[in-house]
PDB file of N, CA and C in Angstrom:
ATOM      1  N   UNK A   1     -39.791  47.785  29.098  1.00  0.00           N
ATOM      2  CA  UNK A   1     -39.864  49.124  30.118  1.00  0.00           C
ATOM      3  C   UNK A   1     -38.925  50.341  29.353  1.00  0.00           C
ATOM      4  N   UNK A   2     -39.634  51.293  29.303  1.00  0.00           N
ATOM      5  CA  UNK A   2     -38.861  52.589  28.860  1.00  0.00           C
ATOM      6  C   UNK A   2     -37.281  52.498  29.363  1.00  0.00           C
ATOM      7  N   UNK A   3     -36.250  52.730  28.627  1.00  0.00           N
ATOM      8  CA  UNK A   3     -34.995  52.985  29.367  1.00  0.00           C
ATOM      9  C   UNK A   3     -34.366  51.864  30.056  1.00  0.00           C
ATOM     10  N   UNK A   4     -35.094  50.832  29.865  1.00  0.00           N
ATOM     11  CA  UNK A   4     -34.207  49.859  30.674  1.00  0.00           C
ATOM     12  C   UNK A   4     -33.045  49.026  29.903  1.00  0.00           C
ATOM     13  N   UNK A   5     -33.205  49.469  28.421  1.00  0.00           N
ATOM     14  CA  UNK A   5     -31.933  48.826  27.318  1.00  0.00           C
ATOM     15  C   UNK A   5     -30.975  50.136  27.960  1.00  0.00           C
ATOM     16  N   UNK A   6     -31.116  51.759  28.487  1.00  0.00           N
ATOM     17  CA  UNK A   6     -30.128  52.328  28.262  1.00  0.00           C
ATOM     18  C   UNK A   6     -29.509  51.901  29.539  1.00  0.00           C
ATOM     19  N   UNK A   7     -29.850  51.331  30.789  1.00  0.00           N
ATOM     20  CA  UNK A   7     -29.102  50.640  32.100  1.00  0.00           C
ATOM     21  C   UNK A   7     -28.817  49.471  31.861  1.00  0.00           C
ATOM     22  N   UNK A   8     -29.040  48.640  30.918  1.00  0.00           N
ATOM     23  CA  UNK A   8     -28.378  47.455  30.436  1.00  0.00           C
ATOM     24  C   UNK A   8     -27.169  47.552  29.611  1.00  0.00           C
ATOM     25  N   UNK A   9     -27.375  48.511  28.377  1.00  0.00           N
ATOM     26  CA  UNK A   9     -26.313  49.422  27.936  1.00  0.00           C
ATOM     27  C   UNK A   9     -25.238  49.766  28.523  1.00  0.00           C
ATOM     28  N   UNK A  10     -25.413  50.387  30.048  1.00  0.00           N
ATOM     29  CA  UNK A  10     -24.448  51.004  30.199  1.00  0.00           C
ATOM     30  C   UNK A  10     -23.557  50.084  31.304  1.00  0.00           C
ATOM     31  N   UNK A  11     -24.629  49.180  32.035  1.00  0.00           N
ATOM     32  CA  UNK A  11     -23.665  48.185  32.318  1.00  0.00           C
ATOM     33  C   UNK A  11     -22.839  47.116  31.734  1.00  0.00           C
ATOM     34  N   UNK A  12     -23.612  46.631  30.370  1.00  0.00           N
ATOM     35  CA  UNK A  12     -23.073  46.211  29.482  1.00  0.00           C
ATOM     36  C   UNK A  12     -21.413  46.741  28.791  1.00  0.00           C
ATOM     37  N   UNK A  13     -21.570  48.001  28.311  1.00  0.00           N
ATOM     38  CA  UNK A  13     -20.330  48.485  27.770  1.00  0.00           C
ATOM     39  C   UNK A  13     -19.727  49.432  28.373  1.00  0.00           C
ATOM     40  N   UNK A  14     -20.296  49.707  29.955  1.00  0.00           N
ATOM     41  CA  UNK A  14     -19.210  50.928  30.788  1.00  0.00           C
ATOM     42  C   UNK A  14     -19.873  52.274  30.229  1.00  0.00           C
ATOM     43  N   UNK A  15     -20.495  52.471  29.170  1.00  0.00           N
ATOM     44  CA  UNK A  15     -20.788  53.864  28.596  1.00  0.00           C
ATOM     45  C   UNK A  15     -22.131  53.980  28.616  1.00  0.00           C
ATOM     46  N   UNK A  16     -22.262  55.477  28.863  1.00  0.00           N
ATOM     47  CA  UNK A  16     -24.158  55.319  28.387  1.00  0.00           C
ATOM     48  C   UNK A  16     -24.160  55.559  26.941  1.00  0.00           C
ATOM     49  N   UNK A  17     -25.344  55.217  26.881  1.00  0.00           N
ATOM     50  CA  UNK A  17     -26.176  54.870  25.018  1.00  0.00           C
ATOM     51  C   UNK A  17     -26.666  56.083  24.823  1.00  0.00           C
ATOM     52  N   UNK A  18     -25.939  56.469  23.592  1.00  0.00           N
ATOM     53  CA  UNK A  18     -26.483  57.761  22.840  1.00  0.00           C
ATOM     54  C   UNK A  18     -27.351  57.507  21.641  1.00  0.00           C
ATOM     55  N   UNK A  19     -28.462  57.825  21.673  1.00  0.00           N
ATOM     56  CA  UNK A  19     -29.416  57.366  20.609  1.00  0.00           C
ATOM     57  C   UNK A  19     -29.287  58.678  19.839  1.00  0.00           C
ATOM     58  N   UNK A  20     -29.294  57.989  18.272  1.00  0.00           N
ATOM     59  CA  UNK A  20     -29.379  58.816  17.089  1.00  0.00           C
ATOM     60  C   UNK A  20     -30.745  58.458  16.376  1.00  0.00           C
ATOM     61  N   UNK A  21     -31.945  59.512  16.279  1.00  0.00           N
ATOM     62  CA  UNK A  21     -32.814  59.726  15.219  1.00  0.00           C
ATOM     63  C   UNK A  21     -33.896  58.848  15.605  1.00  0.00           C
ATOM     64  N   UNK A  22     -33.783  58.415  17.262  1.00  0.00           N
ATOM     65  CA  UNK A  22     -35.072  58.004  17.961  1.00  0.00           C
ATOM     66  C   UNK A  22     -35.152  56.449  17.716  1.00  0.00           C
ATOM     67  N   UNK A  23     -33.975  55.779  17.156  1.00  0.00           N
ATOM     68  CA  UNK A  23     -33.607  54.425  16.841  1.00  0.00           C
ATOM     69  C   UNK A  23     -32.794  53.897  17.376  1.00  0.00           C
ATOM     70  N   UNK A  24     -32.989  52.457  17.930  1.00  0.00           N
ATOM     71  CA  UNK A  24     -31.908  51.937  18.583  1.00  0.00           C
ATOM     72  C   UNK A  24     -31.550  50.780  17.249  1.00  0.00           C
ATOM     73  N   UNK A  25     -30.457  50.621  16.705  1.00  0.00           N
ATOM     74  CA  UNK A  25     -30.049  49.817  15.309  1.00  0.00           C
ATOM     75  C   UNK A  25     -30.202  48.391  16.343  1.00  0.00           C
ATOM     76  N   UNK A  26     -30.566  47.437  15.447  1.00  0.00           N
ATOM     77  CA  UNK A  26     -30.970  46.314  15.895  1.00  0.00           C
ATOM     78  C   UNK A  26     -29.942  45.186  16.121  1.00  0.00           C
ATOM     79  N   UNK A  27     -28.538  45.569  15.689  1.00  0.00           N
ATOM     80  CA  UNK A  27     -27.474  44.799  15.841  1.00  0.00           C
ATOM     81  C   UNK A  27     -27.182  44.962  17.499  1.00  0.00           C
ATOM     82  N   UNK A  28     -27.096  46.194  17.793  1.00  0.00           N
ATOM     83  CA  UNK A  28     -26.823  46.873  19.141  1.00  0.00           C
ATOM     84  C   UNK A  28     -27.565  46.194  20.098  1.00  0.00           C
ATOM     85  N   UNK A  29     -28.958  46.369  19.695  1.00  0.00           N
ATOM     86  CA  UNK A  29     -30.169  45.940  20.798  1.00  0.00           C
ATOM     87  C   UNK A  29     -29.791  44.659  21.091  1.00  0.00           C
ATOM     88  N   UNK A  30     -29.859  43.878  19.702  1.00  0.00           N
ATOM     89  CA  UNK A  30     -30.077  42.483  20.067  1.00  0.00           C
ATOM     90  C   UNK A  30     -28.576  41.658  20.830  1.00  0.00           C
ATOM     91  N   UNK A  31     -27.598  42.504  20.426  1.00  0.00           N
ATOM     92  CA  UNK A  31     -26.264  41.661  21.117  1.00  0.00           C
ATOM     93  C   UNK A  31     -26.517  42.190  22.424  1.00  0.00           C
ATOM     94  N   UNK A  32     -26.948  43.038  23.201  1.00  0.00           N
ATOM     95  CA  UNK A  32     -27.285  43.180  24.395  1.00  0.00           C
ATOM     96  C   UNK A  32     -27.736  42.600  25.042  1.00  0.00           C
ATOM     97  N   UNK A  33     -29.134  42.616  24.452  1.00  0.00           N
ATOM     98  CA  UNK A  33     -30.372  42.161  25.184  1.00  0.00           C
ATOM     99  C   UNK A  33     -29.782  40.527  25.152  1.00  0.00           C
ATOM    100  N   UNK A  34     -29.429  39.624  24.285  1.00  0.00           N
ATOM    101  CA  UNK A  34     -29.325  37.878  24.229  1.00  0.00           C
ATOM    102  C   UNK A  34     -27.662  37.687  25.204  1.00  0.00           C
ATOM    103  N   UNK A  35     -27.177  38.406  25.193  1.00  0.00           N
ATOM    104  CA  UNK A  35     -25.992  38.538  26.098  1.00  0.00           C
ATOM    105  C   UNK A  35     -26.326  38.579  27.704  1.00  0.00           C
ATOM    106  N   UNK A  36     -27.392  39.568  27.681  1.00  0.00           N
ATOM    107  CA  UNK A  36     -27.551  39.966  29.287  1.00  0.00           C
ATOM    108  C   UNK A  36     -28.990  39.384  29.561  1.00  0.00           C
ATOM    109  N   UNK A  37     -29.404  38.606  28.712  1.00  0.00           N
ATOM    110  CA  UNK A  37     -30.835  37.908  29.193  1.00  0.00           C
ATOM    111  C   UNK A  37     -30.832  36.503  28.691  1.00  0.00           C
ATOM    112  N   UNK A  38     -31.656  35.739  28.922  1.00  0.00           N
ATOM    113  CA  UNK A  38     -31.936  34.245  28.246  1.00  0.00           C
ATOM    114  C   UNK A  38     -32.607  34.755  27.504  1.00  0.00           C
ATOM    115  N   UNK A  39     -32.711  35.168  26.469  1.00  0.00           N
ATOM    116  CA  UNK A  39     -33.547  35.174  25.000  1.00  0.00           C
ATOM    117  C   UNK A  39     -33.069  35.044  24.048  1.00  0.00           C
ATOM    118  N   UNK A  40     -33.845  34.764  23.114  1.00  0.00           N
ATOM    119  CA  UNK A  40     -33.263  34.645  21.563  1.00  0.00           C
ATOM    120  C   UNK A  40     -33.127  36.252  20.685  1.00  0.00           C
ATOM    121  N   UNK A  41     -32.901  35.810  19.465  1.00  0.00           N
ATOM    122  CA  UNK A  41     -33.284  37.334  18.667  1.00  0.00           C
ATOM    123  C   UNK A  41     -34.201  36.938  18.165  1.00  0.00           C
ATOM    124  N   UNK A  42     -35.205  36.112  17.799  1.00  0.00           N
ATOM    125  CA  UNK A  42     -36.566  35.651  17.486  1.00  0.00           C
ATOM    126  C   UNK A  42     -37.126  36.184  18.985  1.00  0.00           C
ATOM    127  N   UNK A  43     -37.179  36.428  19.873  1.00  0.00           N
ATOM    128  CA  UNK A  43     -38.377  36.635  20.994  1.00  0.00           C
ATOM    129  C   UNK A  43     -37.817  37.877  21.446  1.00  0.00           C
ATOM    130  N   UNK A  44     -36.834  38.529  21.354  1.00  0.00           N
ATOM    131  CA  UNK A  44     -36.385  39.901  21.466  1.00  0.00           C
ATOM    132  C   UNK A  44     -37.418  40.552  20.231  1.00  0.00           C
ATOM    133  N   UNK A  45     -36.977  40.192  18.902  1.00  0.00           N
ATOM    134  CA  UNK A  45     -37.863  41.157  17.963  1.00  0.00           C
ATOM    135  C   UNK A  45     -39.083  40.890  18.087  1.00  0.00           C
ATOM    136  N   UNK A  46     -39.714  40.086  18.480  1.00  0.00           N
ATOM    137  CA  UNK A  46     -41.226  39.805  18.761  1.00  0.00           C
ATOM    138  C   UNK A  46     -41.793  40.211  20.049  1.00  0.00           C
ATOM    139  N   UNK A  47     -40.978  40.234  20.684  1.00  0.00           N
ATOM    140  CA  UNK A  47     -41.479  40.991  22.149  1.00  0.00           C
ATOM    141  C   UNK A  47     -40.982  42.476  22.880  1.00  0.00           C
ATOM    142  N   UNK A  48     -40.316  43.169  21.743  1.00  0.00           N
ATOM    143  CA  UNK A  48     -39.436  44.351  22.103  1.00  0.00           C
ATOM    144  C   UNK A  48     -39.874  45.330  20.971  1.00  0.00           C
ATOM    145  N   UNK A  49     -40.699  45.076  19.976  1.00  0.00           N
ATOM    146  CA  UNK A  49     -41.068  46.202  19.395  1.00  0.00           C
ATOM    147  C   UNK A  49     -40.093  46.262  18.513  1.00  0.00           C
ATOM    148  N   UNK A  50     -39.259  45.461  17.820  1.00  0.00           N
ATOM    149  CA  UNK A  50     -38.405  45.314  16.611  1.00  0.00           C
ATOM    150  C   UNK A  50     -39.474  46.243  15.178  1.00  0.00           C
ATOM    151  N   UNK A  51     -38.821  47.061  14.506  1.00  0.00           N
ATOM    152  CA  UNK A  51     -39.222  47.707  13.360  1.00  0.00           C
ATOM    153  C   UNK A  51     -38.128  47.151  11.991  1.00  0.00           C
ATOM    154  N   UNK A  52     -38.972  46.033  11.320  1.00  0.00           N
ATOM    155  CA  UNK A  52     -38.290  45.432   9.951  1.00  0.00           C
ATOM    156  C   UNK A  52     -37.753  46.443   9.162  1.00  0.00           C
ATOM    157  N   UNK A  53     -38.843  47.364   9.036  1.00  0.00           N
ATOM    158  CA  UNK A  53     -38.514  47.922   7.851  1.00  0.00           C
ATOM    159  C   UNK A  53     -37.233  49.307   8.266  1.00  0.00           C
ATOM    160  N   UNK A  54     -37.332  49.804   9.584  1.00  0.00           N
ATOM    161  CA  UNK A  54     -36.487  50.580  10.150  1.00  0.00           C
ATOM    162  C   UNK A  54     -35.114  50.030  10.134  1.00  0.00           C
ATOM    163  N   UNK A  55     -35.104  48.891  10.719  1.00  0.00           N
ATOM    164  CA  UNK A  55     -34.053  47.716  10.776  1.00  0.00           C
ATOM    165  C   UNK A  55     -33.457  48.137  12.480  1.00  0.00           C
ATOM    166  N   UNK A  56     -34.450  48.269  13.472  1.00  0.00           N
ATOM    167  CA  UNK A  56     -34.136  48.572  14.828  1.00  0.00           C
ATOM    168  C   UNK A  56     -35.238  48.400  15.553  1.00  0.00           C
ATOM    169  N   UNK A  57     -35.216  49.306  16.630  1.00  0.00           N
ATOM    170  CA  UNK A  57     -35.928  49.467  17.712  1.00  0.00           C
ATOM    171  C   UNK A  57     -36.200  50.828  18.195  1.00  0.00           C
ATOM    172  N   UNK A  58     -37.667  51.061  18.735  1.00  0.00           N
ATOM    173  CA  UNK A  58     -38.067  52.371  18.803  1.00  0.00           C
ATOM    174  C   UNK A  58     -37.025  52.805  20.222  1.00  0.00           C
ATOM    175  N   UNK A  59     -36.826  53.871  20.262  1.00  0.00           N
ATOM    176  CA  UNK A  59     -35.720  54.678  21.473  1.00  0.00           C
ATOM    177  C   UNK A  59     -37.060  55.393  22.272  1.00  0.00           C
ATOM    178  N   UNK A  60     -37.258  54.878  23.313  1.00  0.00           N
ATOM    179  CA  UNK A  60     -38.215  55.732  24.071  1.00  0.00           C
ATOM    180  C   UNK A  60     -37.313  56.400  25.728  1.00  0.00           C
ATOM    181  N   UNK A  61     -37.647  57.529  25.286  1.00  0.00           N
ATOM    182  CA  UNK A  61     -36.790  58.535  26.745  1.00  0.00           C
ATOM    183  C   UNK A  61     -37.987  58.936  27.653  1.00  0.00           C
ATOM    184  N   UNK A  62     -38.097  58.571  28.916  1.00  0.00           N
ATOM    185  CA  UNK A  62     -39.412  59.157  29.419  1.00  0.00           C
ATOM    186  C   UNK A  62     -38.636  60.049  30.877  1.00  0.00           C
ATOM    187  N   UNK A  63     -37.353  60.151  30.781  1.00  0.00           N
ATOM    188  CA  UNK A  63     -36.790  60.426  31.963  1.00  0.00           C
ATOM    189  C   UNK A  63     -35.990  62.005  31.285  1.00  0.00           C
ATOM    190  N   UNK A  64     -35.773  62.833  32.326  1.00  0.00           N
ATOM    191  CA  UNK A  64     -34.925  63.979  32.092  1.00  0.00           C
ATOM    192  C   UNK A  64     -33.559  63.774  32.428  1.00  0.00           C
ATOM    193  N   UNK A  65     -33.139  63.267  32.671  1.00  0.00           N
ATOM    194  CA  UNK A  65     -31.782  62.643  33.796  1.00  0.00           C
ATOM    195  C   UNK A  65     -31.105  61.959  33.075  1.00  0.00           C
ATOM    196  N   UNK A  66     -29.698  62.010  33.585  1.00  0.00           N
ATOM    197  CA  UNK A  66     -28.640  60.862  32.905  1.00  0.00           C
ATOM    198  C   UNK A  66     -29.230  59.169  33.235  1.00  0.00           C
ATOM    199  N   UNK A  67     -28.952  58.976  34.406  1.00  0.00           N
ATOM    200  CA  UNK A  67     -29.499  57.548  34.803  1.00  0.00           C
ATOM    201  C   UNK A  67     -30.937  57.474  35.279  1.00  0.00           C
ATOM    202  N   UNK A  68     -32.005  56.553  34.565  1.00  0.00           N
ATOM    203  CA  UNK A  68     -33.389  56.306  35.439  1.00  0.00           C
ATOM    204  C   UNK A  68     -32.906  54.996  36.366  1.00  0.00           C
ATOM    205  N   UNK A  69     -34.015  55.408  37.819  1.00  0.00           N
ATOM    206  CA  UNK A  69     -33.848  54.156  38.276  1.00  0.00           C
ATOM    207  C   UNK A  69     -33.948  52.837  38.191  1.00  0.00           C
ATOM    208  N   UNK A  70     -33.215  52.132  38.396  1.00  0.00           N
ATOM    209  CA  UNK A  70     -33.285  50.886  37.969  1.00  0.00           C
ATOM    210  C   UNK A  70     -33.998  49.451  39.214  1.00  0.00           C
ATOM    211  N   UNK A  71     -34.820  48.668  38.823  1.00  0.00           N
ATOM    212  CA  UNK A  71     -35.489  47.479  39.521  1.00  0.00           C
ATOM    213  C   UNK A  71     -33.808  46.874  40.303  1.00  0.00           C
ATOM    214  N   UNK A  72     -34.108  46.792  41.513  1.00  0.00           N
ATOM    215  CA  UNK A  72     -33.258  46.270  42.610  1.00  0.00           C
ATOM    216  C   UNK A  72     -32.391  44.691  42.133  1.00  0.00           C
ATOM    217  N   UNK A  73     -31.487  44.649  41.718  1.00  0.00           N
ATOM    218  CA  UNK A  73     -30.610  43.403  41.167  1.00  0.00           C
ATOM    219  C   UNK A  73     -30.418  42.440  42.118  1.00  0.00           C
ATOM    220  N   UNK A  74     -30.819  40.880  42.413  1.00  0.00           N
ATOM    221  CA  UNK A  74     -30.889  40.568  43.384  1.00  0.00           C
ATOM    222  C   UNK A  74     -29.852  39.450  43.298  1.00  0.00           C
ATOM    223  N   UNK A  75     -29.411  38.920  41.898  1.00  0.00           N
ATOM    224  CA  UNK A  75     -28.666  37.921  41.576  1.00  0.00           C
ATOM    225  C   UNK A  75     -27.765  38.115  40.428  1.00  0.00           C
ATOM    226  N   UNK A  76     -26.581  38.055  40.176  1.00  0.00           N
ATOM    227  CA  UNK A  76     -25.968  38.092  38.772  1.00  0.00           C
ATOM    228  C   UNK A  76     -25.064  36.923  38.834  1.00  0.00           C
ATOM    229  N   UNK A  77     -24.551  36.462  37.244  1.00  0.00           N
ATOM    230  CA  UNK A  77     -23.516  35.632  37.557  1.00  0.00           C
ATOM    231  C   UNK A  77     -22.484  36.315  36.813  1.00  0.00           C
ATOM    232  N   UNK A  78     -21.235  36.157  37.356  1.00  0.00           N
ATOM    233  CA  UNK A  78     -19.920  36.732  36.398  1.00  0.00           C
ATOM    234  C   UNK A  78     -19.366  35.684  35.701  1.00  0.00           C
ATOM    235  N   UNK A  79     -19.126  35.619  34.619  1.00  0.00           N
ATOM    236  CA  UNK A  79     -18.655  34.537  33.587  1.00  0.00           C
ATOM    237  C   UNK A  79     -17.417  34.628  33.561  1.00  0.00           C
ATOM    238  N   UNK A  80     -16.370  33.614  33.240  1.00  0.00           N
ATOM    239  CA  UNK A  80     -15.007  33.788  33.779  1.00  0.00           C
ATOM    240  C   UNK A  80     -14.443  34.800  32.504  1.00  0.00           C
ATOM    241  N   UNK A  81     -14.928  35.112  31.266  1.00  0.00           N
ATOM    242  CA  UNK A  81     -14.618  35.827  30.231  1.00  0.00           C
ATOM    243  C   UNK A  81     -14.516  37.753  30.517  1.00  0.00           C
ATOM    244  N   UNK A  82     -15.358  37.714  31.893  1.00  0.00           N
ATOM    245  CA  UNK A  82     -15.676  39.271  32.494  1.00  0.00           C
ATOM    246  C   UNK A  82     -16.826  39.616  31.995  1.00  0.00           C
ATOM    247  N   UNK A  83     -17.871  38.911  31.186  1.00  0.00           N
ATOM    248  CA  UNK A  83     -18.949  39.683  30.869  1.00  0.00           C
ATOM    249  C   UNK A  83     -20.287  39.013  31.868  1.00  0.00           C
ATOM    250  N   UNK A  84     -20.975  39.250  32.589  1.00  0.00           N
ATOM    251  CA  UNK A  84     -22.472  39.017  33.044  1.00  0.00           C
ATOM    252  C   UNK A  84     -23.685  38.253  32.520  1.00  0.00           C
ATOM    253  N   UNK A  85     -24.543  38.010  33.144  1.00  0.00           N
ATOM    254  CA  UNK A  85     -25.905  37.678  32.835  1.00  0.00           C
ATOM    255  C   UNK A  85     -26.635  37.690  34.018  1.00  0.00           C
ATOM    256  N   UNK A  86     -27.549  39.104  33.536  1.00  0.00           N
ATOM    257  CA  UNK A  86     -28.908  39.415  34.259  1.00  0.00           C
ATOM    258  C   UNK A  86     -29.272  38.306  34.598  1.00  0.00           C
ATOM    259  N   UNK A  87     -29.942  38.166  36.135  1.00  0.00           N
ATOM    260  CA  UNK A  87     -30.593  36.865  36.220  1.00  0.00           C
ATOM    261  C   UNK A  87     -31.797  37.214  36.608  1.00  0.00           C
ATOM    262  N   UNK A  88     -32.190  37.955  37.520  1.00  0.00           N
ATOM    263  CA  UNK A  88     -33.350  38.605  38.564  1.00  0.00           C
ATOM    264  C   UNK A  88     -33.310  40.175  38.882  1.00  0.00           C
ATOM    265  N   UNK A  89     -34.781  40.444  39.372  1.00  0.00           N
ATOM    266  CA  UNK A  89     -34.399  41.649  40.151  1.00  0.00           C
ATOM    267  C   UNK A  89     -35.807  41.744  40.302  1.00  0.00           C
ATOM    268  N   UNK A  90     -36.307  42.574  41.424  1.00  0.00           N
ATOM    269  CA  UNK A  90     -37.557  42.546  42.016  1.00  0.00           C
ATOM    270  C   UNK A  90     -38.301  43.774  41.797  1.00  0.00           C
ATOM    271  N   UNK A  91     -39.424  43.583  41.900  1.00  0.00           N
ATOM    272  CA  UNK A  91     -40.485  44.967  41.589  1.00  0.00           C
ATOM    273  C   UNK A  91     -41.454  45.260  42.723  1.00  0.00           C
ATOM    274  N   UNK A  92     -41.472  45.870  43.663  1.00  0.00           N
ATOM    275  CA  UNK A  92     -42.494  46.071  44.381  1.00  0.00           C
ATOM    276  C   UNK A  92     -43.487  46.748  43.976  1.00  0.00           C
ATOM    277  N   UNK A  93     -44.403  46.952  45.014  1.00  0.00           N
ATOM    278  CA  UNK A  93     -46.064  47.024  44.436  1.00  0.00           C
ATOM    279  C   UNK A  93     -46.479  48.618  43.966  1.00  0.00           C
ATOM    280  N   UNK A  94     -45.487  49.364  44.613  1.00  0.00           N
ATOM    281  CA  UNK A  94     -45.538  50.821  44.584  1.00  0.00           C
ATOM    282  C   UNK A  94     -44.866  51.340  43.014  1.00  0.00           C
ATOM    283  N   UNK A  95     -44.203  50.150  42.572  1.00  0.00           N
ATOM    284  CA  UNK A  95     -43.512  50.369  41.213  1.00  0.00           C
ATOM    285  C   UNK A  95     -44.745  50.247  40.131  1.00  0.00           C
ATOM    286  N   UNK A  96     -45.484  49.094  40.195  1.00  0.00           N
ATOM    287  CA  UNK A  96     -46.574  49.022  39.494  1.00  0.00           C
ATOM    288  C   UNK A  96     -47.516  49.715  39.424  1.00  0.00           C
ATOM    289  N   UNK A  97     -47.638  50.556  40.251  1.00  0.00           N
ATOM    290  CA  UNK A  97     -48.508  51.672  40.445  1.00  0.00           C
ATOM    291  C   UNK A  97     -48.503  53.415  39.968  1.00  0.00           C
ATOM    292  N   UNK A  98     -47.165  53.321  39.234  1.00  0.00           N
ATOM    293  CA  UNK A  98     -46.950  54.514  38.592  1.00  0.00           C
ATOM    294  C   UNK A  98     -47.950  54.753  37.745  1.00  0.00           C
ATOM    295  N   UNK A  99     -48.021  56.112  37.268  1.00  0.00           N
ATOM    296  CA  UNK A  99     -49.125  56.703  36.473  1.00  0.00           C
ATOM    297  C   UNK A  99     -48.406  56.516  35.024  1.00  0.00           C
ATOM    298  N   UNK A 100     -49.001  55.650  34.017  1.00  0.00           N
ATOM    299  CA  UNK A 100     -48.942  55.036  32.796  1.00  0.00           C
ATOM    300  C   UNK A 100     -48.667  56.518  32.022  1.00  0.00           C
ATOM    301  N   UNK A 101     -47.772  56.552  30.924  1.00  0.00           N
ATOM    302  CA  UNK A 101     -47.540  57.791  30.151  1.00  0.00           C
ATOM    303  C   UNK A 101     -48.152  57.583  28.740  1.00  0.00           C
ATOM    304  N   UNK A 102     -49.193  57.761  28.146  1.00  0.00           N
ATOM    305  CA  UNK A 102     -49.725  57.852  27.028  1.00  0.00           C
ATOM    306  C   UNK A 102     -48.384  58.226  26.081  1.00  0.00           C
ATOM    307  N   UNK A 103     -48.773  57.695  24.374  1.00  0.00           N
ATOM    308  CA  UNK A 103     -48.153  58.133  23.735  1.00  0.00           C
ATOM    309  C   UNK A 103     -48.701  59.250  22.871  1.00  0.00           C
TER     310      UNK A 103
END
């Protein structure tokens, strides 16, 4: 989902994500995603558009505002060390019917 990484990054670091050159470095993307979701680096690379030749993930920006709408978070687990793990959210039918933007 475009911009989801930015939202998760902002929650994880408490800072806005600043993309440079249209690419998210693999180290940053994979650390955030594997910390916040129950996924492996291999799964992230397979399903999130990893570009091995560039060493990162394509940065997709579709909204011209600072923070995009984020799905309703309905549960989370606060770890003893202060980090969190995203567990679930809900998506309503109207969100599935949004106009698809083709590249």
